[in-house]
Amino acid sequence: MKLGRKRKPAKLRLVEGNRGHRPIPTEEPEFSIPDGIPAPPSFLDAFAREEWARIAPELFAAGLLTTPDAATLGVYCMCYSRWREAEEAIQRQVKVDDKIKHGGLIQVTKSGNVIQNPLVGIANTARRDMLRAAAEFGLTPAARANLAGSKRGDEDPTEKKFFE
């Protein structure tokens, strides 16, 4: 396994101006953008499908969603779904035997100890995974700040540099 930073795609390095002045590889694989938005993976649940329907058209319009990217976007959507389910479960308060509470940020055990609700850990892990996957598509403000790509249908700013 390679250590260090992930390599930036050649097109992104050209758009950003190749600040390191290192040779830019010209042999990266490229996937064609499909004629329509790729279908969501079959494993998505209701919350994940809702998020797919919200975000896929935007990514497709920006030229960031190809058929091979569907699984990665599916991962993002499932992490979103898991995070949302955990957060909604945390908000529900259910008392059992007047001592054990399920939901909320803490739980009181049968012996009276106060512990963190396990759903908080699930929500935190899902949130972290969701943000990592979102960054791959430029869906966070910090990730977007590094993107200066063109909209679908516009001239590709890197094409001139590749073929000059």
Protein backbone atom coordinates (compact mmCIF):
# COMPACT_ATOMS: atom_id res chain seq x y z
CA MET A 1 0.00 0.00 0.00
CA LYS A 2 1.33 3.40 -0.99
CA LEU A 3 1.79 5.94 1.80
CA GLY A 4 1.39 9.69 1.58
CA ARG A 5 -1.05 11.88 -0.28
CA LYS A 6 -3.30 10.58 -3.02
CA ARG A 7 -2.22 11.55 -6.51
CA LYS A 8 -4.27 14.27 -8.17
CA PRO A 9 -5.69 13.52 -11.59
CA ALA A 10 -3.77 15.17 -14.44
CA LYS A 11 -6.78 17.27 -15.49
CA LEU A 12 -7.15 18.64 -11.98
CA ARG A 13 -3.45 19.50 -11.82
CA LEU A 14 -3.73 21.39 -15.10
CA VAL A 15 -6.84 23.26 -14.01
CA GLU A 16 -5.14 24.27 -10.76
CA GLY A 17 -2.03 25.40 -12.63
CA ASN A 18 0.48 22.59 -11.86
CA ARG A 19 1.91 24.40 -8.87
CA GLY A 20 4.63 21.78 -8.33
CA HIS A 21 5.93 22.14 -11.91
CA ARG A 22 6.39 18.38 -12.10
CA PRO A 23 5.75 16.48 -15.33
CA ILE A 24 2.07 15.74 -15.79
CA PRO A 25 1.22 12.19 -16.87
CA THR A 26 -0.79 12.00 -20.10
CA GLU A 27 -1.81 8.35 -19.91
CA GLU A 28 -4.53 8.39 -17.26
CA PRO A 29 -7.65 6.37 -18.05
CA GLU A 30 -10.75 8.40 -18.86
CA PHE A 31 -14.34 7.26 -18.67
CA SER A 32 -16.93 8.60 -21.00
CA ILE A 33 -19.83 10.49 -19.53
CA PRO A 34 -23.03 8.53 -20.16
CA ASP A 35 -26.02 9.99 -22.02
CA GLY A 36 -28.09 10.00 -18.85
CA ILE A 37 -27.69 9.80 -15.10
CA PRO A 38 -26.51 6.28 -14.15
CA ALA A 39 -29.08 4.17 -12.34
CA PRO A 40 -28.64 3.94 -8.57
CA PRO A 41 -27.21 0.65 -7.26
CA SER A 42 -29.84 -1.87 -6.21
CA PHE A 43 -28.54 -2.09 -2.62
CA LEU A 44 -29.60 1.47 -1.70
CA ASP A 45 -32.31 1.79 0.94
CA ALA A 46 -35.01 4.49 1.02
CA PHE A 47 -32.89 7.25 2.61
CA ALA A 48 -29.96 6.45 0.31
CA ARG A 49 -32.20 6.53 -2.80
CA GLU A 50 -33.57 9.89 -1.67
CA GLU A 51 -30.02 11.26 -1.38
CA TRP A 52 -29.10 9.75 -4.78
CA ALA A 53 -32.07 11.53 -6.37
CA ARG A 54 -30.99 14.80 -4.73
CA ILE A 55 -27.29 14.76 -5.62
CA ALA A 56 -26.84 12.62 -8.78
CA PRO A 57 -28.36 15.18 -11.19
CA GLU A 58 -26.00 17.89 -9.88
CA LEU A 59 -22.93 15.66 -10.21
CA PHE A 60 -24.00 14.55 -13.68
CA ALA A 61 -24.50 18.14 -14.81
CA ALA A 62 -21.00 18.99 -13.58
CA GLY A 63 -19.54 16.04 -15.51
CA LEU A 64 -18.47 14.29 -12.29
CA LEU A 65 -20.70 11.21 -12.51
CA THR A 66 -19.80 8.40 -14.88
CA THR A 67 -21.04 4.82 -14.84
CA PRO A 68 -17.99 3.53 -12.87
CA ASP A 69 -18.61 6.27 -10.27
CA ALA A 70 -22.08 4.93 -9.44
CA ALA A 71 -20.77 2.49 -6.83
CA THR A 72 -18.72 5.22 -5.10
CA LEU A 73 -21.72 7.53 -5.06
CA GLY A 74 -23.73 4.58 -3.71
CA VAL A 75 -21.25 4.28 -0.83
CA TYR A 76 -21.72 7.98 -0.07
CA CYS A 77 -25.51 7.57 -0.16
CA MET A 78 -25.45 4.53 2.16
CA CYS A 79 -23.20 6.37 4.63
CA TYR A 80 -25.66 9.27 4.50
CA SER A 81 -28.52 6.85 5.17
CA ARG A 82 -26.73 5.19 8.10
CA TRP A 83 -25.88 8.60 9.57
CA ARG A 84 -29.46 9.82 9.18
CA GLU A 85 -30.96 6.66 10.71
CA ALA A 86 -28.61 6.86 13.70
CA GLU A 87 -29.32 10.56 14.24
CA GLU A 88 -33.08 10.02 14.09
CA ALA A 89 -32.84 7.08 16.51
CA ILE A 90 -30.79 9.22 18.91
CA GLN A 91 -33.56 11.80 18.93
CA ARG A 92 -36.23 9.28 19.88
CA GLN A 93 -36.59 8.85 23.63
CA VAL A 94 -37.92 5.53 24.89
CA LYS A 95 -37.98 4.61 28.56
CA VAL A 96 -37.89 0.99 29.62
CA ASP A 97 -38.49 0.04 33.27
CA ASP A 98 -38.16 3.74 34.18
CA LYS A 99 -34.36 3.37 34.23
CA ILE A 100 -32.99 2.23 30.89
CA LYS A 101 -33.23 4.84 28.20
CA HIS A 102 -32.81 4.01 24.55
CA GLY A 103 -32.17 7.04 22.39
CA GLY A 104 -30.64 10.35 23.35
CA LEU A 105 -26.91 10.88 23.72
CA ILE A 106 -26.57 8.84 26.91
CA GLN A 107 -28.10 5.72 28.35
CA VAL A 108 -28.58 4.65 31.94
CA THR A 109 -27.83 0.95 32.41
CA LYS A 110 -29.74 -1.40 34.73
CA SER A 111 -27.03 -0.90 37.34
CA GLY A 112 -27.41 2.88 37.14
CA ASN A 113 -24.25 3.67 35.18
CA VAL A 114 -24.42 6.40 32.56
CA ILE A 115 -22.87 5.46 29.22
CA GLN A 116 -22.70 6.98 25.74
CA ASN A 117 -25.48 5.72 23.52
CA PRO A 118 -23.91 3.26 21.01
CA LEU A 119 -25.87 5.06 18.29
CA VAL A 120 -23.67 8.13 18.84
CA GLY A 121 -20.64 6.08 17.81
CA ILE A 122 -22.50 4.70 14.79
CA ALA A 123 -23.56 8.23 13.77
CA ASN A 124 -20.00 9.55 14.18
CA THR A 125 -18.49 6.75 12.11
CA ALA A 126 -21.12 7.11 9.38
CA ARG A 127 -20.62 10.89 9.32
CA ARG A 128 -16.86 10.50 8.95
CA ASP A 129 -17.25 7.93 6.15
CA MET A 130 -19.91 10.06 4.45
CA LEU A 131 -17.65 13.14 4.43
CA ARG A 132 -14.72 11.13 3.03
CA ALA A 133 -16.86 9.82 0.17
CA ALA A 134 -18.40 13.26 -0.38
CA ALA A 135 -14.95 14.81 -0.79
CA GLU A 136 -14.25 12.44 -3.70
CA PHE A 137 -17.03 14.19 -5.63
CA GLY A 138 -16.26 17.72 -4.43
CA LEU A 139 -19.39 17.79 -2.26
CA THR A 140 -17.80 19.61 0.66
CA PRO A 141 -16.82 23.30 0.64
CA ALA A 142 -13.13 22.45 1.15
CA ALA A 143 -13.14 19.91 -1.69
CA ARG A 144 -15.02 22.33 -3.96
CA ALA A 145 -12.43 25.02 -3.33
CA ASN A 146 -9.87 22.81 -5.08
CA LEU A 147 -12.08 22.17 -8.11
CA ALA A 148 -12.29 24.57 -11.00
CA GLY A 149 -13.69 22.17 -13.57
CA SER A 150 -16.12 23.08 -16.30
CA LYS A 151 -19.83 22.39 -16.48
CA ARG A 152 -21.02 19.55 -18.71
CA GLY A 153 -21.15 20.80 -22.29
CA ASP A 154 -18.67 23.64 -21.72
CA GLU A 155 -15.21 23.59 -23.25
CA ASP A 156 -12.76 21.53 -21.24
CA PRO A 157 -10.03 23.94 -20.00
CA THR A 158 -7.42 21.15 -19.98
CA GLU A 159 -7.96 19.96 -23.55
CA LYS A 160 -5.92 22.76 -25.07
CA LYS A 161 -2.96 22.01 -22.81
CA PHE A 162 -3.03 18.27 -23.59
CA PHE A 163 -3.06 18.77 -27.34
CA GLU A 164 -0.89 21.87 -27.80
